[in-house]
Amino acid sequence: MTTTQTQAETLAIYVPGRRHIETIIKSDGLVAYVDEPTTPDEYLASHPGAIILPLDDAVEQIRNLDRSAYCKPWGEISEEAWWAMLEDLPPEKWQNNGTVEMFRMSEYLCGRITGHYARVGERYFSANREAGNNFDELAAEVIEAAKGGAK
């Protein structure tokens, strides 16, 4: 299989189901990060299960794996656990809409996923979520968890 790419589209070699990209195909048509000049076909022949796809698609597959592995339902925690996490590192983002007060950790678990901590009244919750998730959507999830129907 001969692989070509445009300047705007970087191609990756990826093994589906893994949380890392094997390598990319450089603009000269050779595989990056190998000791000897290697064509994509040569690389694929020596790496069973590897496929070629746009880098953005490989990254999205990895992000989906990370979300599936690490983003679980909101769980109730103690007030002490809330304060311990708040005082551990400066929060990256801290918001309060009058019903839900929430912050996220500045240290990430993997990729864009980090711990999020929320307070609803006198109850405290935590969950791993991607940074950049909409605060209102996260707040709705926490309110649902507080009602007993955790998402």
Protein backbone atom coordinates (compact mmCIF):
# COMPACT_ATOMS: atom_id res chain seq x y z
CA MET A 1 0.00 0.00 0.00
CA THR A 2 1.44 3.34 -0.99
CA THR A 3 0.58 6.16 1.36
CA THR A 4 0.52 9.82 0.43
CA GLN A 5 -0.45 12.77 2.54
CA THR A 6 -1.06 16.44 2.15
CA GLN A 7 0.75 19.12 4.13
CA ALA A 8 -2.38 19.65 6.25
CA GLU A 9 -2.96 15.98 7.09
CA THR A 10 -0.47 14.10 9.22
CA LEU A 11 -0.82 10.33 9.10
CA ALA A 12 -0.20 8.12 12.11
CA ILE A 13 0.59 4.47 12.52
CA TYR A 14 -1.57 3.20 15.35
CA VAL A 15 -2.60 -0.13 16.84
CA PRO A 16 -6.32 0.08 17.66
CA GLY A 17 -7.02 -0.36 21.35
CA ARG A 18 -3.70 1.02 22.53
CA ARG A 19 -3.27 4.31 24.34
CA HIS A 20 -0.34 5.52 22.26
CA ILE A 21 0.54 6.24 18.66
CA GLU A 22 3.29 4.03 17.29
CA THR A 23 4.74 6.69 15.00
CA ILE A 24 3.85 9.17 12.26
CA ILE A 25 4.59 9.28 8.57
CA LYS A 26 6.79 12.23 7.70
CA SER A 27 6.17 14.48 4.70
CA ASP A 28 8.94 12.63 2.82
CA GLY A 29 6.80 9.46 3.01
CA LEU A 30 9.04 7.66 5.51
CA VAL A 31 8.25 6.64 9.06
CA ALA A 32 9.47 8.90 11.86
CA TYR A 33 11.30 7.80 15.02
CA VAL A 34 13.14 4.78 13.57
CA ASP A 35 16.89 4.23 13.24
CA GLU A 36 16.91 3.38 9.52
CA PRO A 37 14.82 4.89 6.73
CA THR A 38 11.61 2.84 6.73
CA THR A 39 8.56 2.96 4.50
CA PRO A 40 5.09 2.66 6.00
CA ASP A 41 4.69 -0.75 4.33
CA GLU A 42 7.91 -2.01 5.92
CA TYR A 43 6.82 -0.72 9.32
CA LEU A 44 3.38 -2.31 9.05
CA ALA A 45 4.91 -5.65 8.04
CA SER A 46 6.92 -5.76 11.26
CA HIS A 47 4.14 -4.44 13.54
CA PRO A 48 1.09 -6.72 13.44
CA GLY A 49 -2.22 -4.97 14.01
CA ALA A 50 -0.88 -1.52 13.15
CA ILE A 51 -2.87 0.60 10.73
CA ILE A 52 -2.44 3.95 9.01
CA LEU A 53 -4.98 6.66 9.68
CA PRO A 54 -5.10 10.44 10.08
CA LEU A 55 -3.37 11.55 13.27
CA ASP A 56 -6.52 13.33 14.48
CA ASP A 57 -8.48 10.07 14.19
CA ALA A 58 -5.85 8.14 16.16
CA VAL A 59 -5.85 10.82 18.88
CA GLU A 60 -9.65 10.66 19.10
CA GLN A 61 -9.54 6.86 19.48
CA ILE A 62 -7.04 7.25 22.32
CA ARG A 63 -9.18 9.93 23.98
CA ASN A 64 -12.20 7.60 23.79
CA LEU A 65 -10.18 4.83 25.47
CA ASP A 66 -9.06 7.24 28.20
CA ARG A 67 -12.62 8.48 28.82
CA SER A 68 -13.87 4.90 29.02
CA ALA A 69 -11.12 3.86 31.43
CA TYR A 70 -11.06 6.88 33.74
CA CYS A 71 -14.31 8.88 33.56
CA LYS A 72 -16.66 7.08 35.94
CA PRO A 73 -19.80 8.26 37.75
CA TRP A 74 -19.58 10.99 40.36
CA GLY A 75 -18.94 9.56 43.79
CA GLU A 76 -19.62 11.11 47.16
CA ILE A 77 -16.55 11.99 49.21
CA SER A 78 -15.98 13.47 52.65
CA GLU A 79 -15.59 17.16 53.37
CA GLU A 80 -12.03 16.37 54.47
CA ALA A 81 -11.24 14.79 51.10
CA TRP A 82 -12.63 17.87 49.33
CA TRP A 83 -10.41 20.20 51.37
CA ALA A 84 -7.38 17.94 51.01
CA MET A 85 -7.65 18.08 47.22
CA LEU A 86 -8.37 21.81 47.19
CA GLU A 87 -5.31 22.48 49.34
CA ASP A 88 -3.05 19.92 47.61
CA LEU A 89 -2.40 22.00 44.48
CA PRO A 90 -3.85 25.27 43.28
CA PRO A 91 -7.06 24.47 41.39
CA GLU A 92 -6.87 24.98 37.67
CA LYS A 93 -10.44 26.23 37.49
CA TRP A 94 -12.88 27.03 40.28
CA GLN A 95 -16.49 28.02 39.65
CA ASN A 96 -19.65 28.51 41.67
CA ASN A 97 -23.11 28.99 40.16
CA GLY A 98 -24.87 29.36 43.50
CA THR A 99 -25.90 25.69 43.60
CA VAL A 100 -22.72 23.84 42.70
CA GLU A 101 -19.20 24.88 43.61
CA MET A 102 -16.63 23.01 41.56
CA PHE A 103 -12.91 22.97 40.89
CA ARG A 104 -10.59 20.80 38.87
CA MET A 105 -7.08 19.70 39.65
CA SER A 106 -4.17 21.33 37.87
CA GLU A 107 -2.36 17.99 37.68
CA TYR A 108 -3.76 15.64 35.03
CA LEU A 109 -4.31 11.90 35.25
CA CYS A 110 -3.71 11.36 31.52
CA GLY A 111 -4.31 13.34 28.35
CA ARG A 112 -6.98 15.93 29.13
CA ILE A 113 -8.48 14.03 32.08
CA THR A 114 -8.16 15.35 35.61
CA GLY A 115 -9.97 15.14 38.92
CA HIS A 116 -13.03 17.35 39.37
CA TYR A 117 -14.44 18.09 42.82
CA ALA A 118 -17.87 19.54 43.54
CA ARG A 119 -19.88 20.69 46.51
CA VAL A 120 -23.68 20.75 46.56
CA GLY A 121 -24.88 22.19 49.84
CA GLU A 122 -23.09 20.18 52.53
CA ARG A 123 -22.32 17.20 50.24
CA TYR A 124 -19.10 16.65 48.34
CA PHE A 125 -18.40 14.68 45.15
CA SER A 126 -15.54 13.80 42.84
CA ALA A 127 -15.10 12.37 39.35
CA ASN A 128 -12.48 12.35 36.66
CA ARG A 129 -13.53 14.39 33.65
CA GLU A 130 -11.90 16.02 30.66
CA ALA A 131 -10.76 19.58 31.13
CA GLY A 132 -12.81 21.87 28.98
CA ASN A 133 -16.10 20.15 29.72
CA ASN A 134 -18.95 22.60 30.09
CA PHE A 135 -19.41 23.70 33.72
CA ASP A 136 -23.22 23.72 33.46
CA GLU A 137 -23.24 20.13 32.14
CA LEU A 138 -20.89 18.98 34.91
CA ALA A 139 -23.00 20.80 37.50
CA ALA A 140 -26.11 19.00 36.19
CA GLU A 141 -24.30 15.65 36.53
CA VAL A 142 -23.37 16.45 40.14
CA ILE A 143 -26.91 17.53 41.02
CA GLU A 144 -28.18 14.26 39.56
CA ALA A 145 -25.60 12.33 41.62
CA ALA A 146 -26.71 14.20 44.74
CA LYS A 147 -30.29 13.09 44.04
CA GLY A 148 -29.08 9.50 43.94
CA GLY A 149 -29.00 8.97 40.18
CA ALA A 150 -25.26 9.28 39.47
CA LYS A 151 -24.19 9.50 35.86
